[in-house]
Amino acid sequence: MSLWSEDGDSDNVEGRQPWAAIPVMLELRGCDFFDWYDPPMCRRSKIIIPGLLRKMNEREVEIKKLKLKNEHLVKLDKKLKKIVCILVLLLVFTILSKFKVGKENPSGMNQVKML
């Protein structure tokens, strides 16, 4: 990921292609530290890339909002399913409570009466 200023300059080495850059050894420090030299970007790149990054950031924010909304809707869906199950059970219980099973008749079948 690269950080871009408004003029399109990159502030971060990460993501740069080493074969496209020239490592410069800093021998004055006596260490293995090296810096990258990137050729200047064309004017059009400096205009296009920040706009693309802004749009990408906007999309990421939108994705986060949609994920939160989706999580909320999933929770509501689970609650709705529970409510529907309870209502169906109450309906079945109400319908079954309207019937009374009587004594067994001579044919071997129980007699069902409506209350």
PDB file of N, CA and C in Angstrom:
ATOM      1  N   MET A   1       0.850  -1.169   0.000  1.00  0.00           N
ATOM      2  CA  MET A   1       0.000   0.000   0.000  1.00  0.00           C
ATOM      3  C   MET A   1       0.893   1.228   0.000  1.00  0.00           C
ATOM      4  N   SER A   2       0.582   2.182  -0.792  1.00  0.00           N
ATOM      5  CA  SER A   2       1.346   3.422  -0.863  1.00  0.00           C
ATOM      6  C   SER A   2       0.505   4.573  -0.357  1.00  0.00           C
ATOM      7  N   LEU A   3       1.158   5.507   0.297  1.00  0.00           N
ATOM      8  CA  LEU A   3       0.485   6.714   0.749  1.00  0.00           C
ATOM      9  C   LEU A   3       0.736   7.796  -0.279  1.00  0.00           C
ATOM     10  N   TRP A   4      -0.300   8.523  -0.621  1.00  0.00           N
ATOM     11  CA  TRP A   4      -0.182   9.548  -1.659  1.00  0.00           C
ATOM     12  C   TRP A   4      -0.544  10.891  -1.081  1.00  0.00           C
ATOM     13  N   SER A   5       0.245  11.894  -1.428  1.00  0.00           N
ATOM     14  CA  SER A   5      -0.112  13.262  -1.082  1.00  0.00           C
ATOM     15  C   SER A   5      -0.983  13.811  -2.204  1.00  0.00           C
ATOM     16  N   GLU A   6      -1.482  15.000  -2.016  1.00  0.00           N
ATOM     17  CA  GLU A   6      -2.360  15.585  -3.032  1.00  0.00           C
ATOM     18  C   GLU A   6      -1.664  15.789  -4.373  1.00  0.00           C
ATOM     19  N   ASP A   7      -0.333  15.963  -4.344  1.00  0.00           N
ATOM     20  CA  ASP A   7       0.369  16.141  -5.619  1.00  0.00           C
ATOM     21  C   ASP A   7       0.747  14.809  -6.254  1.00  0.00           C
ATOM     22  N   GLY A   8       0.370  13.686  -5.606  1.00  0.00           N
ATOM     23  CA  GLY A   8       0.569  12.371  -6.212  1.00  0.00           C
ATOM     24  C   GLY A   8       1.885  11.713  -5.888  1.00  0.00           C
ATOM     25  N   ASP A   9       2.670  12.274  -4.963  1.00  0.00           N
ATOM     26  CA  ASP A   9       3.944  11.648  -4.608  1.00  0.00           C
ATOM     27  C   ASP A   9       3.701  10.535  -3.600  1.00  0.00           C
ATOM     28  N   SER A  10       4.424   9.444  -3.755  1.00  0.00           N
ATOM     29  CA  SER A  10       4.311   8.319  -2.842  1.00  0.00           C
ATOM     30  C   SER A  10       5.202   8.550  -1.637  1.00  0.00           C
ATOM     31  N   ASP A  11       4.692   8.234  -0.436  1.00  0.00           N
ATOM     32  CA  ASP A  11       5.462   8.410   0.789  1.00  0.00           C
ATOM     33  C   ASP A  11       5.916   7.083   1.380  1.00  0.00           C
ATOM     34  N   ASN A  12       5.590   5.974   0.763  1.00  0.00           N
ATOM     35  CA  ASN A  12       5.844   4.677   1.355  1.00  0.00           C
ATOM     36  C   ASN A  12       6.565   3.776   0.360  1.00  0.00           C
ATOM     37  N   VAL A  13       7.573   3.032   0.828  1.00  0.00           N
ATOM     38  CA  VAL A  13       8.350   2.150  -0.043  1.00  0.00           C
ATOM     39  C   VAL A  13       7.584   0.873  -0.349  1.00  0.00           C
ATOM     40  N   GLU A  14       6.742   0.435   0.564  1.00  0.00           N
ATOM     41  CA  GLU A  14       6.031  -0.832   0.397  1.00  0.00           C
ATOM     42  C   GLU A  14       5.231  -0.845  -0.905  1.00  0.00           C
ATOM     43  N   GLY A  15       5.303  -1.926  -1.641  1.00  0.00           N
ATOM     44  CA  GLY A  15       4.565  -2.047  -2.883  1.00  0.00           C
ATOM     45  C   GLY A  15       5.348  -1.628  -4.110  1.00  0.00           C
ATOM     46  N   ARG A  16       6.521  -1.045  -3.943  1.00  0.00           N
ATOM     47  CA  ARG A  16       7.328  -0.649  -5.092  1.00  0.00           C
ATOM     48  C   ARG A  16       8.025  -1.878  -5.666  1.00  0.00           C
ATOM     49  N   GLN A  17       8.255  -1.855  -6.941  1.00  0.00           N
ATOM     50  CA  GLN A  17       8.922  -2.969  -7.612  1.00  0.00           C
ATOM     51  C   GLN A  17      10.431  -2.777  -7.539  1.00  0.00           C
ATOM     52  N   PRO A  18      11.179  -3.698  -6.899  1.00  0.00           N
ATOM     53  CA  PRO A  18      12.619  -3.495  -6.752  1.00  0.00           C
ATOM     54  C   PRO A  18      13.351  -3.474  -8.087  1.00  0.00           C
ATOM     55  N   TRP A  19      12.867  -4.204  -9.093  1.00  0.00           N
ATOM     56  CA  TRP A  19      13.557  -4.201 -10.381  1.00  0.00           C
ATOM     57  C   TRP A  19      13.329  -2.904 -11.149  1.00  0.00           C
ATOM     58  N   ALA A  20      12.343  -2.110 -10.714  1.00  0.00           N
ATOM     59  CA  ALA A  20      12.075  -0.842 -11.384  1.00  0.00           C
ATOM     60  C   ALA A  20      12.718   0.324 -10.640  1.00  0.00           C
ATOM     61  N   ALA A  21      13.299   0.035  -9.486  1.00  0.00           N
ATOM     62  CA  ALA A  21      13.902   1.101  -8.684  1.00  0.00           C
ATOM     63  C   ALA A  21      15.405   0.881  -8.596  1.00  0.00           C
ATOM     64  N   ILE A  22      16.098   1.930  -8.254  1.00  0.00           N
ATOM     65  CA  ILE A  22      17.559   1.858  -8.159  1.00  0.00           C
ATOM     66  C   ILE A  22      17.953   1.969  -6.694  1.00  0.00           C
ATOM     67  N   PRO A  23      18.501   0.892  -6.098  1.00  0.00           N
ATOM     68  CA  PRO A  23      18.930   1.004  -4.693  1.00  0.00           C
ATOM     69  C   PRO A  23      20.197   1.853  -4.594  1.00  0.00           C
ATOM     70  N   VAL A  24      20.201   2.756  -3.657  1.00  0.00           N
ATOM     71  CA  VAL A  24      21.358   3.635  -3.450  1.00  0.00           C
ATOM     72  C   VAL A  24      21.925   3.330  -2.068  1.00  0.00           C
ATOM     73  N   MET A  25      23.153   2.861  -2.017  1.00  0.00           N
ATOM     74  CA  MET A  25      23.773   2.516  -0.734  1.00  0.00           C
ATOM     75  C   MET A  25      24.291   3.791  -0.068  1.00  0.00           C
ATOM     76  N   LEU A  26      24.004   3.904   1.191  1.00  0.00           N
ATOM     77  CA  LEU A  26      24.478   5.064   1.953  1.00  0.00           C
ATOM     78  C   LEU A  26      25.706   4.633   2.755  1.00  0.00           C
ATOM     79  N   GLU A  27      26.869   4.790   2.177  1.00  0.00           N
ATOM     80  CA  GLU A  27      28.090   4.302   2.802  1.00  0.00           C
ATOM     81  C   GLU A  27      28.551   5.195   3.945  1.00  0.00           C
ATOM     82  N   LEU A  28      28.056   6.408   4.006  1.00  0.00           N
ATOM     83  CA  LEU A  28      28.478   7.306   5.075  1.00  0.00           C
ATOM     84  C   LEU A  28      28.041   6.786   6.439  1.00  0.00           C
ATOM     85  N   ARG A  29      26.921   6.092   6.471  1.00  0.00           N
ATOM     86  CA  ARG A  29      26.393   5.588   7.737  1.00  0.00           C
ATOM     87  C   ARG A  29      27.052   4.264   8.133  1.00  0.00           C
ATOM     88  N   GLY A  30      27.701   3.589   7.209  1.00  0.00           N
ATOM     89  CA  GLY A  30      28.362   2.329   7.519  1.00  0.00           C
ATOM     90  C   GLY A  30      27.388   1.205   7.830  1.00  0.00           C
ATOM     91  N   CYS A  31      26.244   1.214   7.186  1.00  0.00           N
ATOM     92  CA  CYS A  31      25.268   0.147   7.421  1.00  0.00           C
ATOM     93  C   CYS A  31      24.712  -0.325   6.086  1.00  0.00           C
ATOM     94  N   ASP A  32      23.843  -1.316   6.143  1.00  0.00           N
ATOM     95  CA  ASP A  32      23.265  -1.872   4.918  1.00  0.00           C
ATOM     96  C   ASP A  32      21.967  -1.175   4.519  1.00  0.00           C
ATOM     97  N   PHE A  33      21.736  -0.001   5.037  1.00  0.00           N
ATOM     98  CA  PHE A  33      20.519   0.737   4.696  1.00  0.00           C
ATOM     99  C   PHE A  33      20.591   1.195   3.248  1.00  0.00           C
ATOM    100  N   PHE A  34      19.493   1.068   2.550  1.00  0.00           N
ATOM    101  CA  PHE A  34      19.444   1.593   1.188  1.00  0.00           C
ATOM    102  C   PHE A  34      18.119   2.300   0.973  1.00  0.00           C
ATOM    103  N   ASP A  35      18.106   3.182   0.033  1.00  0.00           N
ATOM    104  CA  ASP A  35      16.915   3.963  -0.283  1.00  0.00           C
ATOM    105  C   ASP A  35      16.529   3.661  -1.722  1.00  0.00           C
ATOM    106  N   TRP A  36      15.307   3.953  -2.074  1.00  0.00           N
ATOM    107  CA  TRP A  36      14.825   3.707  -3.434  1.00  0.00           C
ATOM    108  C   TRP A  36      14.742   5.021  -4.187  1.00  0.00           C
ATOM    109  N   TYR A  37      15.081   4.944  -5.427  1.00  0.00           N
ATOM    110  CA  TYR A  37      14.899   6.100  -6.293  1.00  0.00           C
ATOM    111  C   TYR A  37      13.840   5.735  -7.317  1.00  0.00           C
ATOM    112  N   ASP A  38      12.763   6.471  -7.320  1.00  0.00           N
ATOM    113  CA  ASP A  38      11.714   6.263  -8.311  1.00  0.00           C
ATOM    114  C   ASP A  38      11.719   7.439  -9.266  1.00  0.00           C
ATOM    115  N   PRO A  39      11.651   7.162 -10.544  1.00  0.00           N
ATOM    116  CA  PRO A  39      11.574   8.273 -11.488  1.00  0.00           C
ATOM    117  C   PRO A  39      10.289   9.066 -11.264  1.00  0.00           C
ATOM    118  N   PRO A  40      10.287  10.347 -11.593  1.00  0.00           N
ATOM    119  CA  PRO A  40       9.079  11.157 -11.401  1.00  0.00           C
ATOM    120  C   PRO A  40       7.908  10.594 -12.203  1.00  0.00           C
ATOM    121  N   MET A  41       6.735  10.738 -11.628  1.00  0.00           N
ATOM    122  CA  MET A  41       5.531  10.244 -12.301  1.00  0.00           C
ATOM    123  C   MET A  41       5.051  11.280 -13.311  1.00  0.00           C
ATOM    124  N   CYS A  42       4.383  10.803 -14.326  1.00  0.00           N
ATOM    125  CA  CYS A  42       3.836  11.732 -15.313  1.00  0.00           C
ATOM    126  C   CYS A  42       2.672  12.513 -14.696  1.00  0.00           C
ATOM    127  N   ARG A  43       2.351  13.647 -15.275  1.00  0.00           N
ATOM    128  CA  ARG A  43       1.312  14.533 -14.763  1.00  0.00           C
ATOM    129  C   ARG A  43      -0.038  13.819 -14.685  1.00  0.00           C
ATOM    130  N   ARG A  44      -0.342  13.043 -15.709  1.00  0.00           N
ATOM    131  CA  ARG A  44      -1.634  12.346 -15.750  1.00  0.00           C
ATOM    132  C   ARG A  44      -1.771  11.344 -14.598  1.00  0.00           C
ATOM    133  N   SER A  45      -0.697  10.633 -14.281  1.00  0.00           N
ATOM    134  CA  SER A  45      -0.724   9.684 -13.163  1.00  0.00           C
ATOM    135  C   SER A  45      -0.993  10.404 -11.851  1.00  0.00           C
ATOM    136  N   LYS A  46      -0.384  11.587 -11.695  1.00  0.00           N
ATOM    137  CA  LYS A  46      -0.586  12.348 -10.467  1.00  0.00           C
ATOM    138  C   LYS A  46      -2.022  12.833 -10.335  1.00  0.00           C
ATOM    139  N   ILE A  47      -2.721  12.950 -11.438  1.00  0.00           N
ATOM    140  CA  ILE A  47      -4.126  13.371 -11.416  1.00  0.00           C
ATOM    141  C   ILE A  47      -5.037  12.166 -11.189  1.00  0.00           C
ATOM    142  N   ILE A  48      -4.768  11.067 -11.867  1.00  0.00           N
ATOM    143  CA  ILE A  48      -5.665   9.909 -11.848  1.00  0.00           C
ATOM    144  C   ILE A  48      -5.575   9.114 -10.547  1.00  0.00           C
ATOM    145  N   ILE A  49      -4.372   8.806 -10.085  1.00  0.00           N
ATOM    146  CA  ILE A  49      -4.201   7.907  -8.941  1.00  0.00           C
ATOM    147  C   ILE A  49      -4.870   8.425  -7.664  1.00  0.00           C
ATOM    148  N   PRO A  50      -4.710   9.686  -7.262  1.00  0.00           N
ATOM    149  CA  PRO A  50      -5.411  10.143  -6.052  1.00  0.00           C
ATOM    150  C   PRO A  50      -6.934  10.020  -6.168  1.00  0.00           C
ATOM    151  N   GLY A  51      -7.479  10.283  -7.355  1.00  0.00           N
ATOM    152  CA  GLY A  51      -8.924  10.127  -7.548  1.00  0.00           C
ATOM    153  C   GLY A  51      -9.358   8.684  -7.394  1.00  0.00           C
ATOM    154  N   LEU A  52      -8.568   7.769  -7.947  1.00  0.00           N
ATOM    155  CA  LEU A  52      -8.881   6.346  -7.809  1.00  0.00           C
ATOM    156  C   LEU A  52      -8.803   5.905  -6.351  1.00  0.00           C
ATOM    157  N   LEU A  53      -7.804   6.396  -5.635  1.00  0.00           N
ATOM    158  CA  LEU A  53      -7.678   6.050  -4.218  1.00  0.00           C
ATOM    159  C   LEU A  53      -8.842   6.605  -3.402  1.00  0.00           C
ATOM    160  N   ARG A  54      -9.283   7.826  -3.711  1.00  0.00           N
ATOM    161  CA  ARG A  54     -10.445   8.395  -3.021  1.00  0.00           C
ATOM    162  C   ARG A  54     -11.677   7.537  -3.257  1.00  0.00           C
ATOM    163  N   LYS A  55     -11.895   7.141  -4.519  1.00  0.00           N
ATOM    164  CA  LYS A  55     -13.051   6.299  -4.835  1.00  0.00           C
ATOM    165  C   LYS A  55     -12.959   4.958  -4.122  1.00  0.00           C
ATOM    166  N   MET A  56     -11.760   4.392  -4.071  1.00  0.00           N
ATOM    167  CA  MET A  56     -11.575   3.118  -3.394  1.00  0.00           C
ATOM    168  C   MET A  56     -11.891   3.257  -1.902  1.00  0.00           C
ATOM    169  N   ASN A  57     -11.442   4.342  -1.277  1.00  0.00           N
ATOM    170  CA  ASN A  57     -11.736   4.575   0.140  1.00  0.00           C
ATOM    171  C   ASN A  57     -13.232   4.750   0.369  1.00  0.00           C
ATOM    172  N   GLU A  58     -13.907   5.455  -0.534  1.00  0.00           N
ATOM    173  CA  GLU A  58     -15.357   5.622  -0.422  1.00  0.00           C
ATOM    174  C   GLU A  58     -16.054   4.269  -0.503  1.00  0.00           C
ATOM    175  N   ARG A  59     -15.598   3.415  -1.408  1.00  0.00           N
ATOM    176  CA  ARG A  59     -16.194   2.079  -1.564  1.00  0.00           C
ATOM    177  C   ARG A  59     -15.973   1.229  -0.314  1.00  0.00           C
ATOM    178  N   GLU A  60     -14.779   1.353   0.283  1.00  0.00           N
ATOM    179  CA  GLU A  60     -14.497   0.600   1.503  1.00  0.00           C
ATOM    180  C   GLU A  60     -15.423   1.032   2.638  1.00  0.00           C
ATOM    181  N   VAL A  61     -15.668   2.334   2.750  1.00  0.00           N
ATOM    182  CA  VAL A  61     -16.592   2.837   3.775  1.00  0.00           C
ATOM    183  C   VAL A  61     -17.997   2.312   3.494  1.00  0.00           C
ATOM    184  N   GLU A  62     -18.405   2.339   2.231  1.00  0.00           N
ATOM    185  CA  GLU A  62     -19.726   1.838   1.851  1.00  0.00           C
ATOM    186  C   GLU A  62     -19.846   0.346   2.159  1.00  0.00           C
ATOM    187  N   ILE A  63     -18.802  -0.420   1.902  1.00  0.00           N
ATOM    188  CA  ILE A  63     -18.816  -1.858   2.188  1.00  0.00           C
ATOM    189  C   ILE A  63     -18.986  -2.099   3.681  1.00  0.00           C
ATOM    190  N   LYS A  64     -18.279  -1.325   4.514  1.00  0.00           N
ATOM    191  CA  LYS A  64     -18.409  -1.479   5.964  1.00  0.00           C
ATOM    192  C   LYS A  64     -19.838  -1.191   6.412  1.00  0.00           C
ATOM    193  N   LYS A  65     -20.435  -0.123   5.872  1.00  0.00           N
ATOM    194  CA  LYS A  65     -21.815   0.223   6.229  1.00  0.00           C
ATOM    195  C   LYS A  65     -22.770  -0.890   5.815  1.00  0.00           C
ATOM    196  N   LEU A  66     -22.585  -1.423   4.608  1.00  0.00           N
ATOM    197  CA  LEU A  66     -23.464  -2.484   4.120  1.00  0.00           C
ATOM    198  C   LEU A  66     -23.301  -3.771   4.930  1.00  0.00           C
ATOM    199  N   LYS A  67     -22.080  -4.065   5.381  1.00  0.00           N
ATOM    200  CA  LYS A  67     -21.869  -5.250   6.217  1.00  0.00           C
ATOM    201  C   LYS A  67     -22.603  -5.099   7.543  1.00  0.00           C
ATOM    202  N   LEU A  68     -22.527  -3.904   8.146  1.00  0.00           N
ATOM    203  CA  LEU A  68     -23.243  -3.667   9.402  1.00  0.00           C
ATOM    204  C   LEU A  68     -24.748  -3.791   9.204  1.00  0.00           C
ATOM    205  N   LYS A  69     -25.241  -3.234   8.105  1.00  0.00           N
ATOM    206  CA  LYS A  69     -26.670  -3.317   7.809  1.00  0.00           C
ATOM    207  C   LYS A  69     -27.072  -4.772   7.590  1.00  0.00           C
ATOM    208  N   ASN A  70     -26.232  -5.539   6.896  1.00  0.00           N
ATOM    209  CA  ASN A  70     -26.522  -6.944   6.641  1.00  0.00           C
ATOM    210  C   ASN A  70     -26.572  -7.738   7.949  1.00  0.00           C
ATOM    211  N   GLU A  71     -25.623  -7.475   8.861  1.00  0.00           N
ATOM    212  CA  GLU A  71     -25.628  -8.150  10.160  1.00  0.00           C
ATOM    213  C   GLU A  71     -26.923  -7.850  10.911  1.00  0.00           C
ATOM    214  N   HIS A  72     -27.352  -6.604  10.870  1.00  0.00           N
ATOM    215  CA  HIS A  72     -28.595  -6.214  11.538  1.00  0.00           C
ATOM    216  C   HIS A  72     -29.787  -6.948  10.922  1.00  0.00           C
ATOM    217  N   LEU A  73     -29.824  -7.027   9.597  1.00  0.00           N
ATOM    218  CA  LEU A  73     -30.934  -7.699   8.922  1.00  0.00           C
ATOM    219  C   LEU A  73     -30.939  -9.198   9.197  1.00  0.00           C
ATOM    220  N   VAL A  74     -29.774  -9.807   9.328  1.00  0.00           N
ATOM    221  CA  VAL A  74     -29.698 -11.239   9.656  1.00  0.00           C
ATOM    222  C   VAL A  74     -30.281 -11.476  11.049  1.00  0.00           C
ATOM    223  N   LYS A  75     -29.958 -10.598  11.999  1.00  0.00           N
ATOM    224  CA  LYS A  75     -30.519 -10.721  13.348  1.00  0.00           C
ATOM    225  C   LYS A  75     -32.039 -10.572  13.318  1.00  0.00           C
ATOM    226  N   LEU A  76     -32.530  -9.597  12.557  1.00  0.00           N
ATOM    227  CA  LEU A  76     -33.978  -9.412  12.451  1.00  0.00           C
ATOM    228  C   LEU A  76     -34.644 -10.621  11.807  1.00  0.00           C
ATOM    229  N   ASP A  77     -33.988 -11.210  10.813  1.00  0.00           N
ATOM    230  CA  ASP A  77     -34.524 -12.388  10.138  1.00  0.00           C
ATOM    231  C   ASP A  77     -34.659 -13.554  11.116  1.00  0.00           C
ATOM    232  N   LYS A  78     -33.658 -13.755  11.976  1.00  0.00           N
ATOM    233  CA  LYS A  78     -33.724 -14.828  12.971  1.00  0.00           C
ATOM    234  C   LYS A  78     -34.885 -14.600  13.938  1.00  0.00           C
ATOM    235  N   LYS A  79     -35.056 -13.347  14.372  1.00  0.00           N
ATOM    236  CA  LYS A  79     -36.164 -13.033  15.276  1.00  0.00           C
ATOM    237  C   LYS A  79     -37.503 -13.287  14.597  1.00  0.00           C
ATOM    238  N   LEU A  80     -37.611 -12.888  13.341  1.00  0.00           N
ATOM    239  CA  LEU A  80     -38.853 -13.082  12.598  1.00  0.00           C
ATOM    240  C   LEU A  80     -39.172 -14.561  12.450  1.00  0.00           C
ATOM    241  N   LYS A  81     -38.173 -15.385  12.177  1.00  0.00           N
ATOM    242  CA  LYS A  81     -38.395 -16.829  12.058  1.00  0.00           C
ATOM    243  C   LYS A  81     -38.894 -17.417  13.372  1.00  0.00           C
ATOM    244  N   LYS A  82     -38.334 -16.969  14.498  1.00  0.00           N
ATOM    245  CA  LYS A  82     -38.791 -17.447  15.802  1.00  0.00           C
ATOM    246  C   LYS A  82     -40.246 -17.053  16.038  1.00  0.00           C
ATOM    247  N   ILE A  83     -40.584 -15.819  15.702  1.00  0.00           N
ATOM    248  CA  ILE A  83     -41.957 -15.341  15.895  1.00  0.00           C
ATOM    249  C   ILE A  83     -42.928 -16.142  15.040  1.00  0.00           C
ATOM    250  N   VAL A  84     -42.565 -16.410  13.789  1.00  0.00           N
ATOM    251  CA  VAL A  84     -43.430 -17.189  12.896  1.00  0.00           C
ATOM    252  C   VAL A  84     -43.621 -18.596  13.449  1.00  0.00           C
ATOM    253  N   CYS A  85     -42.553 -19.225  13.943  1.00  0.00           N
ATOM    254  CA  CYS A  85     -42.672 -20.570  14.519  1.00  0.00           C
ATOM    255  C   CYS A  85     -43.612 -20.572  15.719  1.00  0.00           C
ATOM    256  N   ILE A  86     -43.472 -19.578  16.576  1.00  0.00           N
ATOM    257  CA  ILE A  86     -44.347 -19.489  17.753  1.00  0.00           C
ATOM    258  C   ILE A  86     -45.799 -19.305  17.327  1.00  0.00           C
ATOM    259  N   LEU A  87     -46.039 -18.446  16.345  1.00  0.00           N
ATOM    260  CA  LEU A  87     -47.411 -18.219  15.875  1.00  0.00           C
ATOM    261  C   LEU A  87     -48.005 -19.478  15.251  1.00  0.00           C
ATOM    262  N   VAL A  88     -47.213 -20.216  14.494  1.00  0.00           N
ATOM    263  CA  VAL A  88     -47.702 -21.464  13.893  1.00  0.00           C
ATOM    264  C   VAL A  88     -48.039 -22.470  14.986  1.00  0.00           C
ATOM    265  N   LEU A  89     -47.183 -22.598  15.988  1.00  0.00           N
ATOM    266  CA  LEU A  89     -47.466 -23.516  17.094  1.00  0.00           C
ATOM    267  C   LEU A  89     -48.732 -23.108  17.846  1.00  0.00           C
ATOM    268  N   LEU A  90     -48.902 -21.810  18.082  1.00  0.00           N
ATOM    269  CA  LEU A  90     -50.122 -21.345  18.748  1.00  0.00           C
ATOM    270  C   LEU A  90     -51.362 -21.641  17.912  1.00  0.00           C
ATOM    271  N   LEU A  91     -51.262 -21.460  16.616  1.00  0.00           N
ATOM    272  CA  LEU A  91     -52.380 -21.749  15.724  1.00  0.00           C
ATOM    273  C   LEU A  91     -52.732 -23.233  15.753  1.00  0.00           C
ATOM    274  N   VAL A  92     -51.724 -24.087  15.676  1.00  0.00           N
ATOM    275  CA  VAL A  92     -51.959 -25.536  15.722  1.00  0.00           C
ATOM    276  C   VAL A  92     -52.566 -25.915  17.064  1.00  0.00           C
ATOM    277  N   PHE A  93     -52.029 -25.395  18.150  1.00  0.00           N
ATOM    278  CA  PHE A  93     -52.568 -25.692  19.475  1.00  0.00           C
ATOM    279  C   PHE A  93     -54.019 -25.231  19.589  1.00  0.00           C
ATOM    280  N   THR A  94     -54.317 -24.040  19.076  1.00  0.00           N
ATOM    281  CA  THR A  94     -55.685 -23.515  19.127  1.00  0.00           C
ATOM    282  C   THR A  94     -56.639 -24.407  18.339  1.00  0.00           C
ATOM    283  N   ILE A  95     -56.232 -24.818  17.165  1.00  0.00           N
ATOM    284  CA  ILE A  95     -57.085 -25.685  16.343  1.00  0.00           C
ATOM    285  C   ILE A  95     -57.285 -27.029  17.022  1.00  0.00           C
ATOM    286  N   LEU A  96     -56.222 -27.611  17.551  1.00  0.00           N
ATOM    287  CA  LEU A  96     -56.339 -28.918  18.206  1.00  0.00           C
ATOM    288  C   LEU A  96     -57.138 -28.833  19.498  1.00  0.00           C
ATOM    289  N   SER A  97     -57.108 -27.704  20.174  1.00  0.00           N
ATOM    290  CA  SER A  97     -57.861 -27.571  21.423  1.00  0.00           C
ATOM    291  C   SER A  97     -59.365 -27.482  21.177  1.00  0.00           C
ATOM    292  N   LYS A  98     -59.781 -27.274  19.944  1.00  0.00           N
ATOM    293  CA  LYS A  98     -61.206 -27.211  19.613  1.00  0.00           C
ATOM    294  C   LYS A  98     -61.824 -28.610  19.518  1.00  0.00           C
ATOM    295  N   PHE A  99     -60.976 -29.620  19.422  1.00  0.00           N
ATOM    296  CA  PHE A  99     -61.471 -30.988  19.281  1.00  0.00           C
ATOM    297  C   PHE A  99     -61.352 -31.723  20.604  1.00  0.00           C
ATOM    298  N   LYS A 100     -62.336 -32.636  20.834  1.00  0.00           N
ATOM    299  CA  LYS A 100     -62.324 -33.453  22.039  1.00  0.00           C
ATOM    300  C   LYS A 100     -62.390 -34.904  21.595  1.00  0.00           C
ATOM    301  N   VAL A 101     -61.488 -35.710  22.118  1.00  0.00           N
ATOM    302  CA  VAL A 101     -61.499 -37.129  21.772  1.00  0.00           C
ATOM    303  C   VAL A 101     -62.444 -37.820  22.742  1.00  0.00           C
ATOM    304  N   GLY A 102     -63.464 -38.489  22.169  1.00  0.00           N
ATOM    305  CA  GLY A 102     -64.465 -39.191  22.985  1.00  0.00           C
ATOM    306  C   GLY A 102     -64.059 -40.629  23.227  1.00  0.00           C
ATOM    307  N   LYS A 103     -65.033 -41.398  23.752  1.00  0.00           N
ATOM    308  CA  LYS A 103     -64.784 -42.802  24.027  1.00  0.00           C
ATOM    309  C   LYS A 103     -64.720 -43.580  22.731  1.00  0.00           C
ATOM    310  N   GLU A 104     -64.099 -44.758  22.837  1.00  0.00           N
ATOM    311  CA  GLU A 104     -63.961 -45.606  21.657  1.00  0.00           C
ATOM    312  C   GLU A 104     -65.319 -46.178  21.289  1.00  0.00           C
ATOM    313  N   ASN A 105     -65.700 -46.096  20.019  1.00  0.00           N
ATOM    314  CA  ASN A 105     -66.977 -46.654  19.567  1.00  0.00           C
ATOM    315  C   ASN A 105     -66.766 -48.102  19.111  1.00  0.00           C
ATOM    316  N   PRO A 106     -67.840 -48.831  18.787  1.00  0.00           N
ATOM    317  CA  PRO A 106     -67.736 -50.257  18.445  1.00  0.00           C
ATOM    318  C   PRO A 106     -66.834 -50.536  17.235  1.00  0.00           C
ATOM    319  N   SER A 107     -66.642 -49.604  16.337  1.00  0.00           N
ATOM    320  CA  SER A 107     -65.812 -49.864  15.161  1.00  0.00           C
ATOM    321  C   SER A 107     -64.320 -49.811  15.500  1.00  0.00           C
ATOM    322  N   GLY A 108     -63.959 -49.481  16.734  1.00  0.00           N
ATOM    323  CA  GLY A 108     -62.561 -49.421  17.138  1.00  0.00           C
ATOM    324  C   GLY A 108     -61.934 -48.052  16.936  1.00  0.00           C
ATOM    325  N   MET A 109     -62.695 -47.099  16.452  1.00  0.00           N
ATOM    326  CA  MET A 109     -62.182 -45.750  16.205  1.00  0.00           C
ATOM    327  C   MET A 109     -62.638 -44.819  17.322  1.00  0.00           C
ATOM    328  N   ASN A 110     -61.785 -43.905  17.695  1.00  0.00           N
ATOM    329  CA  ASN A 110     -62.176 -42.890  18.667  1.00  0.00           C
ATOM    330  C   ASN A 110     -63.085 -41.887  17.988  1.00  0.00           C
ATOM    331  N   GLN A 111     -64.034 -41.428  18.755  1.00  0.00           N
ATOM    332  CA  GLN A 111     -64.964 -40.448  18.213  1.00  0.00           C
ATOM    333  C   GLN A 111     -64.414 -39.051  18.511  1.00  0.00           C
ATOM    334  N   VAL A 112     -64.340 -38.219  17.484  1.00  0.00           N
ATOM    335  CA  VAL A 112     -63.833 -36.858  17.642  1.00  0.00           C
ATOM    336  C   VAL A 112     -65.007 -35.906  17.557  1.00  0.00           C
ATOM    337  N   LYS A 113     -65.115 -35.048  18.564  1.00  0.00           N
ATOM    338  CA  LYS A 113     -66.206 -34.076  18.582  1.00  0.00           C
ATOM    339  C   LYS A 113     -65.613 -32.679  18.603  1.00  0.00           C
ATOM    340  N   MET A 114     -66.317 -31.798  17.966  1.00  0.00           N
ATOM    341  CA  MET A 114     -65.926 -30.393  17.997  1.00  0.00           C
ATOM    342  C   MET A 114     -66.513 -29.781  19.253  1.00  0.00           C
ATOM    343  N   LEU A 115     -65.752 -29.011  19.999  1.00  0.00           N
ATOM    344  CA  LEU A 115     -66.269 -28.374  21.219  1.00  0.00           C
ATOM    345  C   LEU A 115     -67.114 -27.177  20.906  1.00  0.00           C
TER     346      LEU A 115
END
